[in-house]
Amino acid sequence: MNEDIEKLVAMYEQSSMDIIGVIQSISGGLTKRRQLELLKQIGVIISITQGDATGIILEIIEAAYKEGSNEATEELRAQGVKNIEASFKAGIHREAVQNIADDMFYTVLEASDNMSQDAKDRLEMITTKANQRSLIEGQTRREATKKAVAEATAKGITGAIYKNGAKVPVEKYLANTIQYYQRRAHVDGSINRMTENNKDLLYVNSVGITCSLCAQYQGRVYSISGKDSRFPPLTNRPPYHGHCVHSAYLWSEEFQDPKDIADMLQTSNRPFEDNRSEAKIRKYDEMQRKASRKNETRKQWIRYKSRMPDLPDLKTFGSQKARNTKKYKKWQQNFQLFGLIIKEGG
């Protein structure tokens, strides 16, 4: 993850924490007027972050696109192509960069909308639960509100809701989608440079340990235009999903011997299906489990941070947790103690 992406993700991570902080400021009854005031504060946080993100998005896309284009240019030179067109002034490049930047910004807008809706839902949930506990359980308004606030701020602010109903924290969602658009810009920069120089065949690299989707597409040569019937047309270009590491490279027959060409024709035209070995599938699943554990640490850090604002950054927290240090055990005790205090209405 480059510095611009880290900066953008950190901005939204901080926004999530700032919104949680606004909600945690609720101490007594939550009137309609107070709710509108809090929503206004939250709206300002989201708006400022969104505005700051605009310039960074364009920088990320332009840099990735130029990197892919430059790599293709160097490969063209290495393969002896003369009179290479290597300018970025052509409309194909300006339009490509703008289209990807627009798509990425729409993703950020969608995440902002989800953040706003999530905050609104949490405020309404606090009001509903506080009322129920006051009327049914006989708790004081302050006690009931305090418990409802603690429950409402146990998780980070939502950036996306998947089709299965899963809610994804905004920083995780953006880290995933931003890298997708960065990779897309890199690949498009490379492909457009090849096309501009009348090159039609490209190779999608093969990765040893990969997912079932990428396994279907990797390691093949494609015809960009679809006019070379010996190879499959490029109807689905990388990246194939968020965090996809596949890219596209120039493939020239004149640099291949007859056997290599024959082998590539056979490989490129094999059925589009998952051909991974059982060992590679197990290895991939193991990598996914490890990533899941890492994500659990992030979720835990967010929960702890909501109750203990002085907690250090995620990297430090993860290091202490991995080593199961005395400091980490103390954080666990403090987190549990804070929960008991909330339950007891202290």
Protein backbone atom coordinates (compact mmCIF):
# COMPACT_ATOMS: atom_id res chain seq x y z
CA MET A 1 0.00 0.00 0.00
CA ASN A 2 1.62 3.29 -1.08
CA GLU A 3 1.67 6.48 0.97
CA ASP A 4 -1.32 8.11 -0.76
CA ILE A 5 -3.51 5.07 -0.17
CA GLU A 6 -2.38 4.82 3.44
CA LYS A 7 -3.15 8.51 3.87
CA LEU A 8 -6.63 8.16 2.39
CA VAL A 9 -7.49 5.08 4.44
CA ALA A 10 -6.13 6.74 7.59
CA MET A 11 -8.32 9.79 6.91
CA TYR A 12 -11.45 7.67 6.85
CA GLU A 13 -10.32 5.61 9.80
CA GLN A 14 -9.92 8.84 11.75
CA SER A 15 -13.33 10.03 10.53
CA SER A 16 -14.86 6.80 11.81
CA MET A 17 -13.27 7.37 15.20
CA ASP A 18 -14.35 11.03 15.22
CA ILE A 19 -17.95 10.01 14.51
CA ILE A 20 -17.77 7.43 17.30
CA GLY A 21 -16.49 10.22 19.55
CA VAL A 22 -19.45 12.43 18.67
CA ILE A 23 -21.87 9.64 19.52
CA GLN A 24 -20.02 8.92 22.77
CA SER A 25 -20.57 12.55 23.79
CA ILE A 26 -24.22 11.73 24.43
CA SER A 27 -24.77 11.65 28.18
CA GLY A 28 -28.42 12.34 28.88
CA GLY A 29 -31.63 12.20 26.92
CA LEU A 30 -31.37 12.42 23.14
CA THR A 31 -33.98 14.91 21.98
CA LYS A 32 -34.82 15.44 18.32
CA ARG A 33 -33.03 18.76 18.43
CA ARG A 34 -29.91 17.22 19.97
CA GLN A 35 -30.01 14.40 17.42
CA LEU A 36 -30.10 16.91 14.55
CA GLU A 37 -27.14 18.78 16.10
CA LEU A 38 -25.11 15.57 16.30
CA LEU A 39 -26.00 14.61 12.73
CA LYS A 40 -24.85 18.05 11.58
CA GLN A 41 -21.48 17.56 13.35
CA ILE A 42 -21.12 14.12 11.77
CA GLY A 43 -22.05 15.53 8.36
CA VAL A 44 -19.26 18.11 8.66
CA ILE A 45 -16.72 15.37 9.53
CA ILE A 46 -17.73 13.32 6.49
CA SER A 47 -17.86 16.34 4.17
CA ILE A 48 -14.38 17.55 5.12
CA THR A 49 -12.89 14.09 4.70
CA GLN A 50 -14.61 13.62 1.35
CA GLY A 51 -13.32 16.98 0.13
CA ASP A 52 -9.76 16.17 1.18
CA ALA A 53 -10.02 12.81 -0.59
CA THR A 54 -10.76 14.29 -4.03
CA GLY A 55 -7.23 15.45 -4.83
CA ILE A 56 -5.63 12.33 -3.38
CA ILE A 57 -7.81 10.08 -5.54
CA LEU A 58 -6.65 11.76 -8.76
CA GLU A 59 -3.02 11.54 -7.62
CA ILE A 60 -3.36 7.80 -6.92
CA ILE A 61 -4.95 7.07 -10.30
CA GLU A 62 -2.58 9.26 -12.34
CA ALA A 63 0.51 7.77 -10.69
CA ALA A 64 -0.70 4.18 -11.15
CA TYR A 65 -1.73 4.77 -14.76
CA LYS A 66 1.61 6.36 -15.67
CA GLU A 67 3.50 3.57 -13.95
CA GLY A 68 1.69 0.95 -16.02
CA SER A 69 2.13 2.96 -19.20
CA ASN A 70 5.84 3.49 -18.54
CA GLU A 71 6.37 -0.22 -17.90
CA ALA A 72 4.74 -1.02 -21.24
CA THR A 73 6.89 1.61 -22.95
CA GLU A 74 10.08 0.09 -21.53
CA GLU A 75 8.96 -3.36 -22.63
CA LEU A 76 8.29 -2.07 -26.15
CA ARG A 77 11.81 -0.63 -26.25
CA ALA A 78 13.29 -3.86 -24.91
CA GLN A 79 11.59 -5.77 -27.69
CA GLY A 80 13.02 -3.50 -30.36
CA VAL A 81 9.94 -1.49 -31.29
CA LYS A 82 10.88 1.70 -33.15
CA ASN A 83 9.23 5.13 -33.05
CA ILE A 84 7.33 4.40 -29.84
CA GLU A 85 4.43 6.71 -28.99
CA ALA A 86 4.96 7.44 -25.31
CA SER A 87 3.11 10.71 -24.70
CA PHE A 88 0.25 11.15 -22.24
CA LYS A 89 -1.34 13.93 -24.29
CA ALA A 90 -3.56 11.62 -26.34
CA GLY A 91 -7.24 11.64 -25.46
CA ILE A 92 -7.21 7.91 -24.78
CA HIS A 93 -4.99 8.48 -21.74
CA ARG A 94 -6.72 11.57 -20.35
CA GLU A 95 -10.12 9.93 -20.70
CA ALA A 96 -8.96 6.66 -19.14
CA VAL A 97 -7.49 8.40 -16.10
CA GLN A 98 -10.59 10.55 -15.60
CA ASN A 99 -12.98 7.61 -15.97
CA ILE A 100 -11.17 5.55 -13.35
CA ALA A 101 -10.84 8.53 -11.00
CA ASP A 102 -14.59 9.18 -11.40
CA ASP A 103 -15.43 5.54 -10.64
CA MET A 104 -13.20 5.62 -7.59
CA PHE A 105 -14.74 8.88 -6.37
CA TYR A 106 -18.25 7.42 -6.76
CA THR A 107 -17.11 4.57 -4.52
CA VAL A 108 -15.97 7.10 -1.92
CA LEU A 109 -19.30 8.95 -2.23
CA GLU A 110 -21.16 5.70 -1.65
CA ALA A 111 -19.01 4.98 1.40
CA SER A 112 -19.75 8.48 2.72
CA ASP A 113 -23.49 7.92 2.28
CA ASN A 114 -23.24 4.63 4.16
CA MET A 115 -21.31 6.33 6.96
CA SER A 116 -23.97 9.00 7.28
CA GLN A 117 -26.81 6.46 7.30
CA ASP A 118 -24.98 4.28 9.82
CA ALA A 119 -24.53 7.23 12.19
CA LYS A 120 -28.20 8.15 11.85
CA ASP A 121 -29.26 4.55 12.53
CA ARG A 122 -27.07 4.44 15.64
CA LEU A 123 -28.59 7.63 17.05
CA GLU A 124 -32.07 6.29 16.47
CA MET A 125 -31.10 2.99 18.07
CA ILE A 126 -29.75 4.81 21.14
CA THR A 127 -33.05 6.69 21.52
CA THR A 128 -35.13 3.52 21.11
CA LYS A 129 -33.10 1.42 23.53
CA ALA A 130 -32.82 4.19 26.12
CA ASN A 131 -36.60 4.65 26.04
CA GLN A 132 -37.23 0.92 26.37
CA ARG A 133 -34.89 0.55 29.35
CA SER A 134 -36.29 3.60 31.07
CA LEU A 135 -39.92 2.56 30.66
CA ILE A 136 -39.67 -1.22 30.96
CA GLU A 137 -36.63 -1.85 33.13
CA GLY A 138 -36.98 1.24 35.28
CA GLN A 139 -33.46 2.53 34.66
CA THR A 140 -32.69 6.22 34.90
CA ARG A 141 -32.46 8.06 31.61
CA ARG A 142 -28.72 8.61 32.11
CA GLU A 143 -28.05 4.93 32.89
CA ALA A 144 -30.16 3.71 29.97
CA THR A 145 -28.51 6.16 27.54
CA LYS A 146 -25.01 5.30 28.72
CA LYS A 147 -25.56 1.60 28.05
CA ALA A 148 -27.15 2.27 24.66
CA VAL A 149 -24.24 4.53 23.64
CA ALA A 150 -21.69 1.87 24.62
CA GLU A 151 -23.49 -0.72 22.51
CA ALA A 152 -23.81 1.69 19.58
CA THR A 153 -20.09 2.51 19.51
CA ALA A 154 -18.66 -1.01 19.88
CA LYS A 155 -17.94 -1.24 16.15
CA GLY A 156 -16.44 1.07 13.55
CA ILE A 157 -18.59 3.11 11.18
CA THR A 158 -19.91 1.22 8.16
CA GLY A 159 -18.56 2.03 4.70
CA ALA A 160 -20.37 -0.67 2.72
CA ILE A 161 -23.13 -3.23 3.09
CA TYR A 162 -22.65 -6.37 1.00
CA LYS A 163 -25.44 -8.35 -0.64
CA ASN A 164 -25.40 -10.89 2.20
CA GLY A 165 -26.06 -8.08 4.67
CA ALA A 166 -22.52 -7.95 6.03
CA LYS A 167 -21.47 -4.47 7.17
CA VAL A 168 -17.87 -3.53 6.37
CA PRO A 169 -15.99 -0.81 8.31
CA VAL A 170 -15.25 2.16 6.06
CA GLU A 171 -11.46 1.94 6.36
CA LYS A 172 -11.44 -1.75 5.39
CA TYR A 173 -13.82 -1.19 2.49
CA LEU A 174 -11.79 1.69 1.09
CA ALA A 175 -8.45 -0.07 1.54
CA ASN A 176 -9.85 -2.86 -0.61
CA THR A 177 -11.56 -0.79 -3.30
CA ILE A 178 -8.84 1.85 -3.62
CA GLN A 179 -6.22 -0.80 -4.32
CA TYR A 180 -8.58 -2.26 -6.91
CA TYR A 181 -8.79 1.06 -8.78
CA GLN A 182 -5.07 1.61 -8.45
CA ARG A 183 -4.40 -1.78 -10.04
CA ARG A 184 -7.02 -1.09 -12.71
CA ALA A 185 -5.30 2.19 -13.60
CA HIS A 186 -1.93 0.43 -13.80
CA VAL A 187 -3.30 -2.26 -16.12
CA ASP A 188 -5.23 0.20 -18.31
CA GLY A 189 -2.14 2.39 -18.63
CA SER A 190 -0.18 -0.59 -19.84
CA ILE A 191 -2.84 -1.88 -22.24
CA ASN A 192 -3.58 1.54 -23.75
CA ARG A 193 0.14 2.11 -24.39
CA MET A 194 0.33 -1.26 -26.18
CA THR A 195 -2.78 -0.49 -28.27
CA GLU A 196 -1.46 2.94 -29.15
CA ASN A 197 1.65 1.27 -30.55
CA ASN A 198 -0.30 -1.34 -32.55
CA LYS A 199 0.38 -4.28 -30.23
CA ASP A 200 -2.54 -6.64 -29.77
CA LEU A 201 -1.32 -9.57 -27.68
CA LEU A 202 -0.86 -9.37 -23.93
CA TYR A 203 -0.03 -11.83 -21.20
CA VAL A 204 -1.74 -11.95 -17.80
CA ASN A 205 0.82 -13.06 -15.26
CA SER A 206 0.46 -16.26 -13.26
CA VAL A 207 0.58 -16.22 -9.46
CA GLY A 208 1.39 -19.41 -7.59
CA ILE A 209 -1.15 -19.04 -4.79
CA THR A 210 -4.35 -17.35 -5.92
CA CYS A 211 -8.15 -17.49 -5.67
CA SER A 212 -10.55 -19.63 -7.73
CA LEU A 213 -11.55 -16.64 -9.91
CA CYS A 214 -8.04 -15.49 -10.81
CA ALA A 215 -6.98 -19.10 -11.44
CA GLN A 216 -9.35 -19.16 -14.42
CA TYR A 217 -7.81 -16.12 -16.13
CA GLN A 218 -4.12 -16.08 -15.21
CA GLY A 219 -1.21 -17.38 -17.28
CA ARG A 220 -2.88 -16.78 -20.64
CA VAL A 221 -2.22 -14.63 -23.68
CA TYR A 222 -5.20 -12.58 -24.90
CA SER A 223 -6.04 -10.59 -28.01
CA ILE A 224 -6.83 -7.01 -26.93
CA SER A 225 -8.91 -6.31 -30.05
CA GLY A 226 -10.35 -9.82 -30.26
CA LYS A 227 -9.27 -9.99 -33.91
CA ASP A 228 -6.57 -12.63 -33.41
CA SER A 229 -8.76 -15.74 -33.23
CA ARG A 230 -5.88 -17.94 -32.09
CA PHE A 231 -6.15 -16.44 -28.61
CA PRO A 232 -9.16 -15.65 -26.42
CA PRO A 233 -10.41 -12.05 -26.64
CA LEU A 234 -9.68 -9.73 -23.70
CA THR A 235 -13.26 -9.53 -22.44
CA ASN A 236 -12.27 -9.56 -18.76
CA ARG A 237 -9.08 -7.74 -17.86
CA PRO A 238 -7.34 -7.63 -14.47
CA PRO A 239 -7.84 -6.75 -11.70
CA TYR A 240 -10.50 -9.36 -11.18
CA HIS A 241 -11.38 -8.31 -7.63
CA GLY A 242 -10.16 -6.14 -4.76
CA HIS A 243 -6.55 -6.88 -3.73
CA CYS A 244 -5.99 -8.67 -7.05
CA VAL A 245 -2.26 -8.70 -7.91
CA HIS A 246 -2.55 -9.70 -11.55
CA SER A 247 -1.36 -7.42 -14.32
CA ALA A 248 -0.90 -7.41 -18.11
CA TYR A 249 2.30 -7.49 -20.15
CA LEU A 250 3.24 -7.25 -23.81
CA TRP A 251 3.59 -10.64 -25.52
CA SER A 252 5.41 -10.79 -28.87
CA GLU A 253 5.61 -13.90 -31.01
CA GLU A 254 8.93 -12.90 -32.52
CA PHE A 255 10.56 -13.37 -29.13
CA GLN A 256 9.16 -16.90 -28.70
CA ASP A 257 10.34 -20.19 -30.23
CA PRO A 258 7.79 -22.46 -31.98
CA LYS A 259 7.38 -24.76 -28.94
CA ASP A 260 6.71 -21.83 -26.59
CA ILE A 261 4.09 -20.47 -28.99
CA ALA A 262 2.41 -23.88 -29.26
CA ASP A 263 2.40 -24.29 -25.46
CA MET A 264 0.96 -20.82 -24.96
CA LEU A 265 -1.77 -21.44 -27.52
CA GLN A 266 -2.77 -24.58 -25.65
CA THR A 267 -2.62 -22.88 -22.23
CA SER A 268 -4.49 -19.79 -23.39
CA ASN A 269 -7.33 -21.81 -24.88
CA ARG A 270 -7.85 -24.21 -21.98
CA PRO A 271 -11.33 -24.13 -20.37
CA PHE A 272 -12.00 -21.15 -18.12
CA GLU A 273 -12.19 -23.08 -14.86
CA ASP A 274 -10.32 -23.38 -11.58
CA ASN A 275 -7.32 -25.62 -12.27
CA ARG A 276 -5.52 -25.23 -8.92
CA SER A 277 -4.09 -28.29 -7.19
CA GLU A 278 -5.48 -29.36 -3.80
CA ALA A 279 -2.21 -28.22 -2.19
CA LYS A 280 -2.53 -24.71 -3.64
CA ILE A 281 -6.17 -24.49 -2.62
CA ARG A 282 -5.23 -25.41 0.96
CA LYS A 283 -2.41 -22.87 0.92
CA TYR A 284 -4.73 -20.14 -0.33
CA ASP A 285 -7.32 -20.98 2.33
CA GLU A 286 -4.60 -20.83 4.97
CA MET A 287 -3.56 -17.36 3.74
CA GLN A 288 -7.19 -16.24 3.91
CA ARG A 289 -7.51 -17.47 7.48
CA LYS A 290 -4.38 -15.55 8.42
CA ALA A 291 -5.80 -12.41 6.81
CA SER A 292 -9.05 -12.98 8.68
CA ARG A 293 -7.19 -13.17 11.98
CA LYS A 294 -5.46 -9.92 11.15
CA ASN A 295 -8.83 -8.33 10.43
CA GLU A 296 -10.15 -9.60 13.76
CA THR A 297 -7.28 -7.80 15.47
CA ARG A 298 -8.32 -4.57 13.71
CA LYS A 299 -11.93 -5.04 14.82
CA GLN A 300 -10.78 -5.73 18.38
CA TRP A 301 -8.60 -2.61 18.34
CA ILE A 302 -11.57 -0.50 17.22
CA ARG A 303 -13.72 -1.91 20.05
CA TYR A 304 -11.01 -1.27 22.61
CA LYS A 305 -10.29 2.20 21.23
CA SER A 306 -13.95 3.15 21.62
CA ARG A 307 -13.70 2.49 25.37
CA MET A 308 -10.05 3.43 25.87
CA PRO A 309 -9.21 6.49 23.73
CA ASP A 310 -5.57 6.51 24.90
CA LEU A 311 -4.91 3.10 23.35
CA PRO A 312 -1.90 3.21 20.94
CA ASP A 313 -2.12 2.71 17.18
CA LEU A 314 -3.20 -0.54 15.53
CA LYS A 315 0.34 -1.69 14.71
CA THR A 316 1.46 -1.37 18.34
CA PHE A 317 -1.71 -3.03 19.59
CA GLY A 318 -1.29 -5.94 17.16
CA SER A 319 2.33 -6.43 18.18
CA GLN A 320 1.45 -6.52 21.87
CA LYS A 321 -1.42 -8.94 21.19
CA ALA A 322 0.73 -11.30 19.08
CA ARG A 323 3.26 -11.54 21.93
CA ASN A 324 0.51 -11.70 24.58
CA THR A 325 2.40 -9.18 26.69
CA LYS A 326 1.51 -7.94 30.17
CA LYS A 327 0.46 -4.66 28.58
CA TYR A 328 -2.00 -6.46 26.28
CA LYS A 329 -3.42 -8.46 29.21
CA LYS A 330 -3.87 -5.19 31.10
CA TRP A 331 -5.80 -3.75 28.14
CA GLN A 332 -8.04 -6.81 28.19
CA GLN A 333 -8.72 -6.35 31.89
CA ASN A 334 -9.45 -2.64 31.47
CA PHE A 335 -11.79 -3.32 28.54
CA GLN A 336 -13.73 -5.92 30.54
CA LEU A 337 -13.80 -3.67 33.62
CA PHE A 338 -15.20 -0.80 31.56
CA GLY A 339 -17.91 -3.12 30.25
CA LEU A 340 -18.89 -4.15 33.76
CA ILE A 341 -19.11 -0.51 34.81
CA ILE A 342 -21.47 0.18 31.91
CA LYS A 343 -23.65 -2.81 32.75
CA GLU A 344 -23.86 -1.75 36.38
CA GLY A 345 -24.73 1.80 35.35
CA GLY A 346 -21.57 3.19 37.00
